């Protein structure tokens, strides 16, 4: 059973930074693409970034240059470093294991 546990969300002022973490268990982590998605109130869930097993990355246009996805295969963990946060980044952020499993989500709120 694949399980994903996110952490690191919270309340931050515009221009601030947060680092999300997602620890994966029950899977050969290094074999899989991992992703971060987000869902704002009243909107559909959208891809933020993904990272392949060999650490190639892809980002949504809205976060390019501000967010960085990375992975530590030894710790079965994927990270999302979020800098220069904007109010429109406010959402629940979900970790996704490309075998089809989701984390429970972590709330990120950007507000002054």
C-alpha atoms as a PDB file:
ATOM      1  CA  UNK A   1       0.000   0.000   0.000  1.00  0.00           C
ATOM      2  CA  UNK A   2       1.522   3.274  -1.157  1.00  0.00           C
ATOM      3  CA  UNK A   3       1.151   6.096   1.362  1.00  0.00           C
ATOM      4  CA  UNK A   4       2.105   9.755   0.980  1.00  0.00           C
ATOM      5  CA  UNK A   5       2.360  12.200   3.870  1.00  0.00           C
ATOM      6  CA  UNK A   6       2.786  15.913   3.154  1.00  0.00           C
ATOM      7  CA  UNK A   7       4.006  18.575   5.538  1.00  0.00           C
ATOM      8  CA  UNK A   8       5.239  22.158   5.496  1.00  0.00           C
ATOM      9  CA  UNK A   9       2.146  24.159   4.635  1.00  0.00           C
ATOM     10  CA  UNK A  10       1.033  27.214   6.540  1.00  0.00           C
ATOM     11  CA  UNK A  11       0.308  30.929   6.466  1.00  0.00           C
ATOM     12  CA  UNK A  12       2.896  33.202   4.858  1.00  0.00           C
ATOM     13  CA  UNK A  13       2.977  36.821   3.754  1.00  0.00           C
ATOM     14  CA  UNK A  14       3.234  37.758   0.079  1.00  0.00           C
ATOM     15  CA  UNK A  15       6.851  37.508  -1.038  1.00  0.00           C
ATOM     16  CA  UNK A  16       7.610  34.860   1.550  1.00  0.00           C
ATOM     17  CA  UNK A  17       8.755  31.263   1.191  1.00  0.00           C
ATOM     18  CA  UNK A  18       7.637  27.805   2.227  1.00  0.00           C
ATOM     19  CA  UNK A  19       9.057  24.333   1.683  1.00  0.00           C
ATOM     20  CA  UNK A  20       6.687  21.414   1.315  1.00  0.00           C
ATOM     21  CA  UNK A  21       7.785  17.827   1.893  1.00  0.00           C
ATOM     22  CA  UNK A  22       6.161  14.544   0.932  1.00  0.00           C
ATOM     23  CA  UNK A  23       7.370  11.263   2.363  1.00  0.00           C
ATOM     24  CA  UNK A  24       6.405   8.130   0.453  1.00  0.00           C
ATOM     25  CA  UNK A  25       6.186   4.612   1.853  1.00  0.00           C
ATOM     26  CA  UNK A  26       5.195   1.289   0.358  1.00  0.00           C
ATOM     27  CA  UNK A  27       6.821   1.906  -3.012  1.00  0.00           C
ATOM     28  CA  UNK A  28      10.161   1.728  -4.779  1.00  0.00           C
ATOM     29  CA  UNK A  29      10.247   5.506  -4.689  1.00  0.00           C
ATOM     30  CA  UNK A  30      13.162   6.008  -7.062  1.00  0.00           C
ATOM     31  CA  UNK A  31      11.345   4.297  -9.963  1.00  0.00           C
ATOM     32  CA  UNK A  32       8.454   6.739 -10.136  1.00  0.00           C
ATOM     33  CA  UNK A  33       7.656  10.200 -11.353  1.00  0.00           C
ATOM     34  CA  UNK A  34       6.447  12.406  -8.505  1.00  0.00           C
ATOM     35  CA  UNK A  35       4.351  15.530  -8.728  1.00  0.00           C
ATOM     36  CA  UNK A  36       2.840  18.406  -6.806  1.00  0.00           C
ATOM     37  CA  UNK A  37      -0.657  19.595  -7.615  1.00  0.00           C
ATOM     38  CA  UNK A  38      -2.804  22.295  -6.057  1.00  0.00           C
ATOM     39  CA  UNK A  39      -6.477  23.110  -5.771  1.00  0.00           C
ATOM     40  CA  UNK A  40      -7.778  26.541  -4.920  1.00  0.00           C
ATOM     41  CA  UNK A  41     -11.352  27.082  -3.697  1.00  0.00           C
ATOM     42  CA  UNK A  42     -13.819  26.766  -6.555  1.00  0.00           C
ATOM     43  CA  UNK A  43     -11.148  25.701  -9.020  1.00  0.00           C
ATOM     44  CA  UNK A  44      -9.985  22.434 -10.530  1.00  0.00           C
ATOM     45  CA  UNK A  45      -6.876  20.668  -9.300  1.00  0.00           C
ATOM     46  CA  UNK A  46      -3.890  21.686 -11.410  1.00  0.00           C
ATOM     47  CA  UNK A  47      -0.351  20.455 -11.912  1.00  0.00           C
ATOM     48  CA  UNK A  48       2.299  22.609 -10.239  1.00  0.00           C
ATOM     49  CA  UNK A  49       5.417  20.597 -11.048  1.00  0.00           C
ATOM     50  CA  UNK A  50       6.650  17.099 -11.602  1.00  0.00           C
ATOM     51  CA  UNK A  51      10.003  15.375 -11.399  1.00  0.00           C
ATOM     52  CA  UNK A  52      11.078  12.199 -13.157  1.00  0.00           C
ATOM     53  CA  UNK A  53      13.042   9.325 -11.655  1.00  0.00           C
ATOM     54  CA  UNK A  54      16.231  10.874 -13.080  1.00  0.00           C
ATOM     55  CA  UNK A  55      15.288  14.332 -11.751  1.00  0.00           C
ATOM     56  CA  UNK A  56      14.115  16.008 -14.934  1.00  0.00           C
ATOM     57  CA  UNK A  57      11.561  18.637 -14.013  1.00  0.00           C
ATOM     58  CA  UNK A  58       8.557  20.391 -15.489  1.00  0.00           C
ATOM     59  CA  UNK A  59       6.648  23.390 -14.111  1.00  0.00           C
ATOM     60  CA  UNK A  60       3.387  25.187 -14.651  1.00  0.00           C
ATOM     61  CA  UNK A  61       3.974  28.571 -16.283  1.00  0.00           C
ATOM     62  CA  UNK A  62       2.491  30.307 -13.248  1.00  0.00           C
ATOM     63  CA  UNK A  63       5.251  29.047 -10.932  1.00  0.00           C
ATOM     64  CA  UNK A  64       8.313  28.949 -13.211  1.00  0.00           C
ATOM     65  CA  UNK A  65      11.231  30.779 -11.686  1.00  0.00           C
ATOM     66  CA  UNK A  66       9.625  30.814  -8.233  1.00  0.00           C
ATOM     67  CA  UNK A  67       9.094  27.154  -7.302  1.00  0.00           C
ATOM     68  CA  UNK A  68      11.599  24.306  -7.346  1.00  0.00           C
ATOM     69  CA  UNK A  69      10.753  20.617  -7.138  1.00  0.00           C
ATOM     70  CA  UNK A  70      13.417  18.161  -5.983  1.00  0.00           C
ATOM     71  CA  UNK A  71      13.687  14.634  -4.664  1.00  0.00           C
ATOM     72  CA  UNK A  72      15.837  12.639  -2.275  1.00  0.00           C
ATOM     73  CA  UNK A  73      15.545   9.004  -3.263  1.00  0.00           C
ATOM     74  CA  UNK A  74      17.436   7.838  -0.168  1.00  0.00           C
ATOM     75  CA  UNK A  75      14.739   9.427   1.998  1.00  0.00           C
ATOM     76  CA  UNK A  76      11.819   8.596  -0.328  1.00  0.00           C
ATOM     77  CA  UNK A  77      10.917  12.260  -0.179  1.00  0.00           C
ATOM     78  CA  UNK A  78       9.921  14.886  -2.717  1.00  0.00           C
ATOM     79  CA  UNK A  79      10.118  18.597  -1.954  1.00  0.00           C
ATOM     80  CA  UNK A  80       8.575  21.773  -3.282  1.00  0.00           C
ATOM     81  CA  UNK A  81      10.484  24.949  -2.481  1.00  0.00           C
ATOM     82  CA  UNK A  82       8.167  27.915  -2.987  1.00  0.00           C
ATOM     83  CA  UNK A  83       9.643  31.408  -3.125  1.00  0.00           C
ATOM     84  CA  UNK A  84       8.162  34.823  -3.907  1.00  0.00           C
ATOM     85  CA  UNK A  85       4.745  33.557  -2.941  1.00  0.00           C
ATOM     86  CA  UNK A  86       1.673  35.399  -4.165  1.00  0.00           C
ATOM     87  CA  UNK A  87      -1.904  35.453  -2.854  1.00  0.00           C
ATOM     88  CA  UNK A  88      -2.948  33.493  -5.957  1.00  0.00           C
ATOM     89  CA  UNK A  89      -0.735  30.618  -4.794  1.00  0.00           C
ATOM     90  CA  UNK A  90      -3.196  30.016  -1.949  1.00  0.00           C
ATOM     91  CA  UNK A  91      -4.487  26.457  -2.290  1.00  0.00           C
ATOM     92  CA  UNK A  92      -4.355  22.972  -0.898  1.00  0.00           C
ATOM     93  CA  UNK A  93      -1.192  21.344  -2.221  1.00  0.00           C
ATOM     94  CA  UNK A  94      -1.211  17.627  -2.953  1.00  0.00           C
ATOM     95  CA  UNK A  95       1.660  15.248  -3.523  1.00  0.00           C
ATOM     96  CA  UNK A  96       1.094  12.706  -6.298  1.00  0.00           C
ATOM     97  CA  UNK A  97       2.808   9.377  -6.898  1.00  0.00           C
ATOM     98  CA  UNK A  98       2.459   8.488 -10.564  1.00  0.00           C
ATOM     99  CA  UNK A  99       1.299   4.970  -9.754  1.00  0.00           C
ATOM    100  CA  UNK A 100      -1.989   6.713  -8.992  1.00  0.00           C
ATOM    101  CA  UNK A 101      -1.745   7.644  -5.321  1.00  0.00           C
ATOM    102  CA  UNK A 102      -2.395  10.989  -3.637  1.00  0.00           C
ATOM    103  CA  UNK A 103      -1.413  12.509  -0.345  1.00  0.00           C
ATOM    104  CA  UNK A 104      -3.959  14.077   1.985  1.00  0.00           C
ATOM    105  CA  UNK A 105      -2.974  17.635   1.078  1.00  0.00           C
ATOM    106  CA  UNK A 106      -1.480  20.545   2.976  1.00  0.00           C
ATOM    107  CA  UNK A 107      -2.935  24.052   3.094  1.00  0.00           C
ATOM    108  CA  UNK A 108      -0.861  26.975   1.861  1.00  0.00           C
ATOM    109  CA  UNK A 109      -2.270  30.439   2.518  1.00  0.00           C
ATOM    110  CA  UNK A 110      -0.541  33.569   1.236  1.00  0.00           C
ATOM    111  CA  UNK A 111      -1.977  36.663   2.869  1.00  0.00           C
ATOM    112  CA  UNK A 112      -0.910  39.821   4.632  1.00  0.00           C
END
